[in-house]
Amino acid sequence: MGPVRYRDLDGIDLDAAREKVRRWMLAHPGGTPAQMAADLQGGYPEFPEHMAVVLRGLMAALQDHPADLNPSETAEENQ
């Protein structure tokens, strides 16, 4: 398969993908990006390898901003 252009991924809901990654990370606290990508990329049968890259990027963003990983936990701490 050749390169995928951004417009080819237009139909991908990144908010939904981010939520899948967030839920996976909460369920697998010690999980690695490779494990997460292997588990979730199958949900994108048209572009699984390309989505693995996107999913790992979403995971990195959540790791950089842990408050986004479990917002309800952060809200409880602030009360």
Protein backbone atom coordinates (compact mmCIF):
# COMPACT_ATOMS: atom_id res chain seq x y z
CA MET A 1 0.00 0.00 0.00
CA GLY A 2 1.32 3.45 -0.88
CA PRO A 3 1.19 6.61 1.21
CA VAL A 4 -2.15 7.80 2.53
CA ARG A 5 -3.12 11.41 2.04
CA TYR A 6 -4.85 13.31 4.81
CA ARG A 7 -7.99 13.63 2.69
CA ASP A 8 -8.11 9.83 2.52
CA LEU A 9 -8.49 9.80 6.30
CA ASP A 10 -11.20 12.48 6.24
CA GLY A 11 -13.83 10.01 7.38
CA ILE A 12 -11.92 9.13 10.55
CA ASP A 13 -13.43 10.58 13.73
CA LEU A 14 -10.34 11.62 15.69
CA ASP A 15 -12.38 12.42 18.81
CA ALA A 16 -13.72 8.86 18.81
CA ALA A 17 -10.22 7.49 18.20
CA ARG A 18 -8.87 9.59 21.09
CA GLU A 19 -11.62 8.23 23.34
CA LYS A 20 -10.72 4.63 22.34
CA VAL A 21 -7.09 5.32 23.19
CA ARG A 22 -8.05 6.98 26.50
CA ARG A 23 -10.21 4.02 27.53
CA TRP A 24 -7.49 1.57 26.51
CA MET A 25 -4.92 3.44 28.58
CA LEU A 26 -7.19 3.42 31.64
CA ALA A 27 -7.74 -0.33 31.24
CA HIS A 28 -4.01 -1.03 30.62
CA PRO A 29 -2.01 1.36 32.85
CA GLY A 30 1.31 -0.29 32.03
CA GLY A 31 0.56 -0.76 28.35
CA THR A 32 2.96 0.29 25.64
CA PRO A 33 2.19 2.25 22.48
CA ALA A 34 2.88 -0.88 20.41
CA GLN A 35 0.41 -2.94 22.47
CA MET A 36 -2.25 -0.24 22.22
CA ALA A 37 -1.80 0.14 18.46
CA ALA A 38 -1.95 -3.64 17.97
CA ASP A 39 -5.18 -3.82 19.97
CA LEU A 40 -6.93 -0.84 18.36
CA GLN A 41 -5.72 -0.58 14.76
CA GLY A 42 -8.04 -3.40 13.72
CA GLY A 43 -10.94 -1.02 14.23
CA TYR A 44 -9.74 0.79 11.12
CA PRO A 45 -9.62 -1.96 8.48
CA GLU A 46 -9.09 0.40 5.55
CA PHE A 47 -5.87 1.95 6.94
CA PRO A 48 -4.71 -0.11 9.96
CA GLU A 49 -0.97 0.66 9.69
CA HIS A 50 -1.54 4.36 9.10
CA MET A 51 -4.02 4.55 11.96
CA ALA A 52 -1.48 2.84 14.24
CA VAL A 53 0.69 5.94 13.78
CA VAL A 54 -2.25 8.23 14.57
CA LEU A 55 -3.23 6.15 17.61
CA ARG A 56 0.33 6.26 18.99
CA GLY A 57 0.29 10.04 18.54
CA LEU A 58 -2.96 10.30 20.45
CA MET A 59 -1.47 8.14 23.21
CA ALA A 60 1.60 10.39 23.40
CA ALA A 61 -0.63 13.45 23.72
CA LEU A 62 -2.55 11.85 26.58
CA GLN A 63 0.69 10.85 28.29
CA ASP A 64 1.89 14.46 28.04
CA HIS A 65 -1.38 15.72 29.59
CA PRO A 66 -2.40 13.18 32.25
CA ALA A 67 -5.33 15.35 33.39
CA ASP A 68 -6.97 14.60 30.02
CA LEU A 69 -6.63 10.87 30.62
CA ASN A 70 -9.10 10.78 33.48
CA PRO A 71 -10.84 14.17 33.77
CA SER A 72 -13.28 13.00 36.47
CA GLU A 73 -10.35 12.10 38.73
CA THR A 74 -8.86 15.57 38.30
CA ALA A 75 -12.22 17.21 39.02
CA GLU A 76 -12.55 15.23 42.26
CA GLU A 77 -9.07 16.33 43.37
CA ASN A 78 -9.98 19.99 42.83
CA GLN A 79 -13.06 19.82 45.06
